[in-house]
């Protein structure tokens, strides 16, 4: 399971160095084989290969024509990447542009997958969530 936020920088070629603790997990889980794709909002999702296969199957088996735009966005922008020996992955120019990623990014653990955010966009998102408070439906489940 992935958790935490890691401020990082993309290098001049658009490569992102995965933090060592996540790198070790990813090596064990999927030998560093990942899928990077767009998602709704200004961030990218990074799926370890087994989780990506599960997601792809779910979309293939259950999505109807109504969900076709969702599938087109996620599947159509999927990019298979492999961590290199230094633990880096290459984020394609198309995906960097879609998520408005420049140099400073945040890699966020989201349980079974990761997210890549522009650093400032991520800070704005967290501030907005903190101001909005905990949704009523979650209060009891979380013990608040």
C-alpha atoms as a PDB file:
ATOM      1  CA  UNK A   1       0.000   0.000   0.000  1.00  0.00           C
ATOM      2  CA  UNK A   2       1.231   3.441  -0.915  1.00  0.00           C
ATOM      3  CA  UNK A   3       0.775   6.476   1.281  1.00  0.00           C
ATOM      4  CA  UNK A   4       2.356   9.830   1.958  1.00  0.00           C
ATOM      5  CA  UNK A   5       3.356  12.800  -0.174  1.00  0.00           C
ATOM      6  CA  UNK A   6       6.817  13.333  -1.628  1.00  0.00           C
ATOM      7  CA  UNK A   7       7.855  16.671  -3.124  1.00  0.00           C
ATOM      8  CA  UNK A   8      10.061  15.910  -6.130  1.00  0.00           C
ATOM      9  CA  UNK A   9      11.407  17.468  -9.305  1.00  0.00           C
ATOM     10  CA  UNK A  10      11.151  16.342 -12.892  1.00  0.00           C
ATOM     11  CA  UNK A  11      14.499  16.414 -14.646  1.00  0.00           C
ATOM     12  CA  UNK A  12      15.059  18.131 -18.004  1.00  0.00           C
ATOM     13  CA  UNK A  13      13.949  14.988 -19.865  1.00  0.00           C
ATOM     14  CA  UNK A  14      10.718  14.642 -17.866  1.00  0.00           C
ATOM     15  CA  UNK A  15      11.931  11.807 -15.651  1.00  0.00           C
ATOM     16  CA  UNK A  16      10.712  11.388 -12.095  1.00  0.00           C
ATOM     17  CA  UNK A  17      12.762   9.569  -9.472  1.00  0.00           C
ATOM     18  CA  UNK A  18      10.556   7.326  -7.340  1.00  0.00           C
ATOM     19  CA  UNK A  19      11.424   7.560  -3.609  1.00  0.00           C
ATOM     20  CA  UNK A  20      13.412   4.565  -2.345  1.00  0.00           C
ATOM     21  CA  UNK A  21      10.687   3.181  -0.053  1.00  0.00           C
ATOM     22  CA  UNK A  22       8.136   3.186  -2.880  1.00  0.00           C
ATOM     23  CA  UNK A  23      10.715   1.909  -5.346  1.00  0.00           C
ATOM     24  CA  UNK A  24      11.308  -1.188  -3.213  1.00  0.00           C
ATOM     25  CA  UNK A  25       7.575  -1.883  -3.023  1.00  0.00           C
ATOM     26  CA  UNK A  26       7.183  -1.436  -6.763  1.00  0.00           C
ATOM     27  CA  UNK A  27      10.097  -3.750  -7.527  1.00  0.00           C
ATOM     28  CA  UNK A  28       8.529  -6.492  -5.411  1.00  0.00           C
ATOM     29  CA  UNK A  29       5.000  -5.892  -6.667  1.00  0.00           C
ATOM     30  CA  UNK A  30       5.572  -5.470 -10.394  1.00  0.00           C
ATOM     31  CA  UNK A  31       9.308  -5.435 -11.157  1.00  0.00           C
ATOM     32  CA  UNK A  32       9.020  -1.680 -11.757  1.00  0.00           C
ATOM     33  CA  UNK A  33       6.462  -2.027 -14.578  1.00  0.00           C
ATOM     34  CA  UNK A  34       3.934   0.817 -14.306  1.00  0.00           C
ATOM     35  CA  UNK A  35       1.206   2.528 -16.279  1.00  0.00           C
ATOM     36  CA  UNK A  36       0.912   6.308 -16.156  1.00  0.00           C
ATOM     37  CA  UNK A  37      -2.373   7.804 -17.328  1.00  0.00           C
ATOM     38  CA  UNK A  38      -4.575  10.856 -17.166  1.00  0.00           C
ATOM     39  CA  UNK A  39      -7.369  11.181 -14.697  1.00  0.00           C
ATOM     40  CA  UNK A  40     -10.106  13.700 -14.057  1.00  0.00           C
ATOM     41  CA  UNK A  41      -8.494  16.830 -12.734  1.00  0.00           C
ATOM     42  CA  UNK A  42      -4.994  18.175 -13.053  1.00  0.00           C
ATOM     43  CA  UNK A  43      -2.993  15.127 -12.025  1.00  0.00           C
ATOM     44  CA  UNK A  44      -1.791  11.773 -13.334  1.00  0.00           C
ATOM     45  CA  UNK A  45      -2.395   8.324 -11.942  1.00  0.00           C
ATOM     46  CA  UNK A  46       0.400   5.743 -11.754  1.00  0.00           C
ATOM     47  CA  UNK A  47      -0.667   2.114 -11.531  1.00  0.00           C
ATOM     48  CA  UNK A  48       1.579  -0.844 -10.716  1.00  0.00           C
ATOM     49  CA  UNK A  49       1.026  -3.357 -13.514  1.00  0.00           C
ATOM     50  CA  UNK A  50      -1.213  -5.781 -11.521  1.00  0.00           C
ATOM     51  CA  UNK A  51      -3.478  -2.914 -10.422  1.00  0.00           C
ATOM     52  CA  UNK A  52      -3.564  -1.558 -13.974  1.00  0.00           C
ATOM     53  CA  UNK A  53      -4.601  -4.981 -15.306  1.00  0.00           C
ATOM     54  CA  UNK A  54      -7.415  -5.079 -12.725  1.00  0.00           C
ATOM     55  CA  UNK A  55      -8.553  -1.574 -13.698  1.00  0.00           C
ATOM     56  CA  UNK A  56      -8.401  -2.311 -17.410  1.00  0.00           C
ATOM     57  CA  UNK A  57     -10.432  -5.506 -16.969  1.00  0.00           C
ATOM     58  CA  UNK A  58     -13.009  -3.674 -14.866  1.00  0.00           C
ATOM     59  CA  UNK A  59     -13.455  -1.077 -17.604  1.00  0.00           C
ATOM     60  CA  UNK A  60     -13.607  -3.674 -20.358  1.00  0.00           C
ATOM     61  CA  UNK A  61     -16.114  -5.861 -18.520  1.00  0.00           C
ATOM     62  CA  UNK A  62     -18.431  -3.322 -16.915  1.00  0.00           C
ATOM     63  CA  UNK A  63     -18.307   0.011 -18.717  1.00  0.00           C
ATOM     64  CA  UNK A  64     -21.228   0.731 -21.054  1.00  0.00           C
ATOM     65  CA  UNK A  65     -21.495   3.326 -23.804  1.00  0.00           C
ATOM     66  CA  UNK A  66     -22.319   5.890 -21.113  1.00  0.00           C
ATOM     67  CA  UNK A  67     -18.875   5.381 -19.592  1.00  0.00           C
ATOM     68  CA  UNK A  68     -17.067   5.389 -22.924  1.00  0.00           C
ATOM     69  CA  UNK A  69     -15.677   8.933 -22.442  1.00  0.00           C
ATOM     70  CA  UNK A  70     -14.163   7.844 -19.101  1.00  0.00           C
ATOM     71  CA  UNK A  71     -12.596   4.771 -20.678  1.00  0.00           C
ATOM     72  CA  UNK A  72     -11.337   6.792 -23.624  1.00  0.00           C
ATOM     73  CA  UNK A  73      -9.651   9.306 -21.315  1.00  0.00           C
ATOM     74  CA  UNK A  74      -8.003   6.730 -19.041  1.00  0.00           C
ATOM     75  CA  UNK A  75      -7.203   3.913 -21.489  1.00  0.00           C
ATOM     76  CA  UNK A  76      -6.479   6.236 -24.407  1.00  0.00           C
ATOM     77  CA  UNK A  77      -3.823   8.142 -22.519  1.00  0.00           C
ATOM     78  CA  UNK A  78      -2.190   5.142 -20.819  1.00  0.00           C
ATOM     79  CA  UNK A  79       1.566   4.957 -21.143  1.00  0.00           C
ATOM     80  CA  UNK A  80       3.466   1.825 -20.091  1.00  0.00           C
ATOM     81  CA  UNK A  81       6.736   2.701 -18.348  1.00  0.00           C
ATOM     82  CA  UNK A  82       9.552   0.796 -16.693  1.00  0.00           C
ATOM     83  CA  UNK A  83      11.604   2.103 -13.784  1.00  0.00           C
ATOM     84  CA  UNK A  84      15.220   2.383 -14.816  1.00  0.00           C
ATOM     85  CA  UNK A  85      18.201   1.328 -12.692  1.00  0.00           C
ATOM     86  CA  UNK A  86      18.095   4.669 -10.847  1.00  0.00           C
ATOM     87  CA  UNK A  87      14.404   4.255 -10.003  1.00  0.00           C
ATOM     88  CA  UNK A  88      13.223   6.838 -12.538  1.00  0.00           C
ATOM     89  CA  UNK A  89      10.213   6.785 -14.819  1.00  0.00           C
ATOM     90  CA  UNK A  90       9.731   8.935 -17.897  1.00  0.00           C
ATOM     91  CA  UNK A  91       6.564  11.020 -17.983  1.00  0.00           C
ATOM     92  CA  UNK A  92       5.674  11.627 -21.621  1.00  0.00           C
ATOM     93  CA  UNK A  93       5.376  15.206 -22.889  1.00  0.00           C
ATOM     94  CA  UNK A  94       1.680  14.648 -23.644  1.00  0.00           C
ATOM     95  CA  UNK A  95       0.947  13.548 -20.071  1.00  0.00           C
ATOM     96  CA  UNK A  96       3.100  16.327 -18.589  1.00  0.00           C
ATOM     97  CA  UNK A  97       1.136  18.865 -20.606  1.00  0.00           C
ATOM     98  CA  UNK A  98      -2.236  17.333 -19.676  1.00  0.00           C
ATOM     99  CA  UNK A  99      -1.453  17.524 -15.940  1.00  0.00           C
ATOM    100  CA  UNK A 100       0.294  20.910 -16.271  1.00  0.00           C
ATOM    101  CA  UNK A 101       3.490  19.487 -14.800  1.00  0.00           C
ATOM    102  CA  UNK A 102       6.571  21.644 -15.033  1.00  0.00           C
ATOM    103  CA  UNK A 103       9.461  20.984 -12.667  1.00  0.00           C
ATOM    104  CA  UNK A 104       8.169  20.815  -9.076  1.00  0.00           C
ATOM    105  CA  UNK A 105       5.748  17.921  -8.519  1.00  0.00           C
ATOM    106  CA  UNK A 106       4.344  15.889  -5.655  1.00  0.00           C
ATOM    107  CA  UNK A 107       4.134  12.104  -5.767  1.00  0.00           C
ATOM    108  CA  UNK A 108       1.185  11.015  -3.627  1.00  0.00           C
ATOM    109  CA  UNK A 109       0.464   7.512  -2.366  1.00  0.00           C
ATOM    110  CA  UNK A 110      -3.190   6.543  -2.847  1.00  0.00           C
ATOM    111  CA  UNK A 111      -3.335   3.011  -1.425  1.00  0.00           C
ATOM    112  CA  UNK A 112      -3.013   0.749  -4.506  1.00  0.00           C
ATOM    113  CA  UNK A 113      -1.775   3.438  -6.876  1.00  0.00           C
ATOM    114  CA  UNK A 114       0.155   6.713  -6.993  1.00  0.00           C
ATOM    115  CA  UNK A 115      -0.683  10.195  -8.192  1.00  0.00           C
ATOM    116  CA  UNK A 116       1.566  12.871  -9.692  1.00  0.00           C
ATOM    117  CA  UNK A 117       0.500  16.471  -9.102  1.00  0.00           C
ATOM    118  CA  UNK A 118       1.960  19.851  -9.899  1.00  0.00           C
ATOM    119  CA  UNK A 119       3.233  21.048  -6.496  1.00  0.00           C
ATOM    120  CA  UNK A 120       1.155  24.240  -6.405  1.00  0.00           C
ATOM    121  CA  UNK A 121      -2.005  22.546  -7.710  1.00  0.00           C
ATOM    122  CA  UNK A 122      -1.676  19.881  -5.019  1.00  0.00           C
ATOM    123  CA  UNK A 123      -1.330  22.506  -2.268  1.00  0.00           C
ATOM    124  CA  UNK A 124      -4.443  24.344  -3.555  1.00  0.00           C
ATOM    125  CA  UNK A 125      -6.378  21.061  -3.693  1.00  0.00           C
ATOM    126  CA  UNK A 126      -5.442  20.143  -0.105  1.00  0.00           C
ATOM    127  CA  UNK A 127      -6.340  23.610   1.156  1.00  0.00           C
ATOM    128  CA  UNK A 128      -9.748  23.412  -0.522  1.00  0.00           C
ATOM    129  CA  UNK A 129     -10.383  19.959   0.952  1.00  0.00           C
ATOM    130  CA  UNK A 130      -9.397  21.134   4.440  1.00  0.00           C
ATOM    131  CA  UNK A 131     -11.754  24.100   4.170  1.00  0.00           C
ATOM    132  CA  UNK A 132     -14.617  21.916   2.932  1.00  0.00           C
ATOM    133  CA  UNK A 133     -14.357  19.647   5.971  1.00  0.00           C
ATOM    134  CA  UNK A 134     -15.266  15.994   6.321  1.00  0.00           C
ATOM    135  CA  UNK A 135     -18.357  14.929   4.337  1.00  0.00           C
ATOM    136  CA  UNK A 136     -21.217  13.988   6.629  1.00  0.00           C
ATOM    137  CA  UNK A 137     -21.365  10.460   5.220  1.00  0.00           C
ATOM    138  CA  UNK A 138     -17.774   9.813   6.371  1.00  0.00           C
ATOM    139  CA  UNK A 139     -18.008  11.361   9.837  1.00  0.00           C
ATOM    140  CA  UNK A 140     -19.448   8.288  11.556  1.00  0.00           C
ATOM    141  CA  UNK A 141     -17.252   5.850   9.599  1.00  0.00           C
ATOM    142  CA  UNK A 142     -14.133   7.754  10.656  1.00  0.00           C
ATOM    143  CA  UNK A 143     -15.259   8.268  14.231  1.00  0.00           C
ATOM    144  CA  UNK A 144     -15.673  12.055  14.069  1.00  0.00           C
END
